[in-house]
Amino acid sequence: MDLGISSEHILLENQATNAAENASFALPIIQQHKFKTVILVMSDFTGLRAHLTAKLVWTGTEIEIYNSHASSGSHWNQWIWWLSQEGWHLII
């Protein structure tokens, strides 16, 4: 919304407790609105997992998936995450 997108154009699924539930619970919303394209917004350390999970759950649909990674700031670095205990915690 800070970038000028009206809140009425933002649909949230907020019941899920993991990526698979999120993809499953979002599917009826996507289908209800007849969306063919979805932008997944996720932290930069869950990007690949979120994309692959959605792709698996939405198999058989014609939904096109785009990814948008929200920065985790200093909490995550895709190149050296394995060097810190916090990096391992985030991955697990």
Protein backbone atom coordinates (compact mmCIF):
# COMPACT_ATOMS: atom_id res chain seq x y z
CA MET A 1 0.00 0.00 0.00
CA ASP A 2 3.00 2.28 0.59
CA LEU A 3 3.64 1.97 -3.14
CA GLY A 4 0.14 3.18 -4.05
CA ILE A 5 -1.76 -0.10 -4.37
CA SER A 6 -5.24 0.17 -2.93
CA SER A 7 -6.03 -2.26 -0.10
CA GLU A 8 -9.10 -3.47 -2.03
CA HIS A 9 -6.71 -4.92 -4.62
CA ILE A 10 -4.72 -6.92 -2.09
CA LEU A 11 -6.08 -10.35 -1.18
CA LEU A 12 -4.60 -12.17 1.79
CA GLU A 13 -4.82 -15.76 2.90
CA ASN A 14 -4.06 -15.66 6.61
CA GLN A 15 -5.21 -19.01 8.01
CA ALA A 16 -2.27 -21.15 6.93
CA THR A 17 0.50 -22.27 9.25
CA ASN A 18 2.86 -23.48 6.49
CA ALA A 19 3.54 -23.07 2.78
CA ALA A 20 1.45 -26.08 1.70
CA GLU A 21 -1.60 -24.87 3.63
CA ASN A 22 -1.08 -21.37 2.25
CA ALA A 23 -1.12 -22.65 -1.34
CA SER A 24 -4.13 -24.89 -0.63
CA PHE A 25 -6.16 -22.19 1.14
CA ALA A 26 -5.28 -19.60 -1.50
CA LEU A 27 -6.41 -21.76 -4.42
CA PRO A 28 -10.19 -21.19 -3.90
CA ILE A 29 -9.56 -17.44 -3.64
CA ILE A 30 -7.55 -17.50 -6.87
CA GLN A 31 -10.22 -19.55 -8.64
CA GLN A 32 -13.09 -17.42 -7.30
CA HIS A 33 -11.52 -14.32 -8.84
CA LYS A 34 -10.53 -16.21 -12.01
CA PHE A 35 -6.90 -15.16 -11.66
CA LYS A 36 -4.46 -16.70 -14.11
CA THR A 37 -1.37 -14.99 -12.68
CA VAL A 38 -0.24 -14.94 -9.05
CA ILE A 39 2.64 -13.05 -7.44
CA LEU A 40 4.00 -14.90 -4.44
CA VAL A 41 5.43 -12.46 -1.91
CA MET A 42 7.69 -14.20 0.56
CA SER A 43 10.83 -13.72 2.55
CA ASP A 44 14.02 -14.19 0.59
CA PHE A 45 14.91 -17.37 2.49
CA THR A 46 11.63 -19.15 1.70
CA GLY A 47 11.40 -18.19 -1.96
CA LEU A 48 12.27 -21.43 -3.68
CA ARG A 49 10.31 -23.57 -1.23
CA ALA A 50 7.20 -21.36 -1.55
CA HIS A 51 7.38 -21.41 -5.34
CA LEU A 52 7.83 -25.18 -5.59
CA THR A 53 5.06 -25.83 -3.05
CA ALA A 54 2.58 -23.60 -4.88
CA LYS A 55 3.53 -25.16 -8.20
CA LEU A 56 2.88 -28.64 -6.77
CA VAL A 57 -0.40 -27.75 -5.05
CA TRP A 58 -1.67 -25.90 -8.13
CA THR A 59 -0.76 -28.71 -10.55
CA GLY A 60 -3.45 -29.05 -13.18
CA THR A 61 -4.37 -25.38 -13.08
CA GLU A 62 -3.13 -22.82 -15.55
CA ILE A 63 -1.93 -20.43 -12.86
CA GLU A 64 1.27 -18.61 -13.79
CA ILE A 65 3.47 -17.97 -10.76
CA TYR A 66 5.77 -14.97 -10.29
CA ASN A 67 7.96 -14.47 -7.24
CA SER A 68 8.65 -11.33 -5.24
CA HIS A 69 11.18 -11.67 -2.45
CA ALA A 70 10.83 -9.31 0.50
CA SER A 71 14.23 -8.61 1.97
CA SER A 72 15.05 -10.06 5.36
CA GLY A 73 17.65 -7.38 5.86
CA SER A 74 20.62 -8.47 7.91
CA HIS A 75 18.84 -11.65 9.03
CA TRP A 76 19.52 -13.51 5.82
CA ASN A 77 22.17 -13.77 3.17
CA GLN A 78 21.63 -16.28 0.39
CA TRP A 79 25.36 -16.76 -0.11
CA ILE A 80 26.56 -17.31 3.46
CA TRP A 81 23.47 -18.37 5.45
CA TRP A 82 25.11 -21.66 6.52
CA LEU A 83 27.81 -19.78 8.44
CA SER A 84 25.48 -18.60 11.21
CA GLN A 85 23.23 -20.33 13.71
CA GLU A 86 20.42 -17.94 12.77
CA GLY A 87 20.78 -18.88 9.11
CA TRP A 88 20.38 -22.56 9.95
CA HIS A 89 17.40 -21.78 12.20
CA LEU A 90 15.66 -19.88 9.40
CA ILE A 91 16.18 -22.73 6.94
CA ILE A 92 14.94 -25.44 9.28
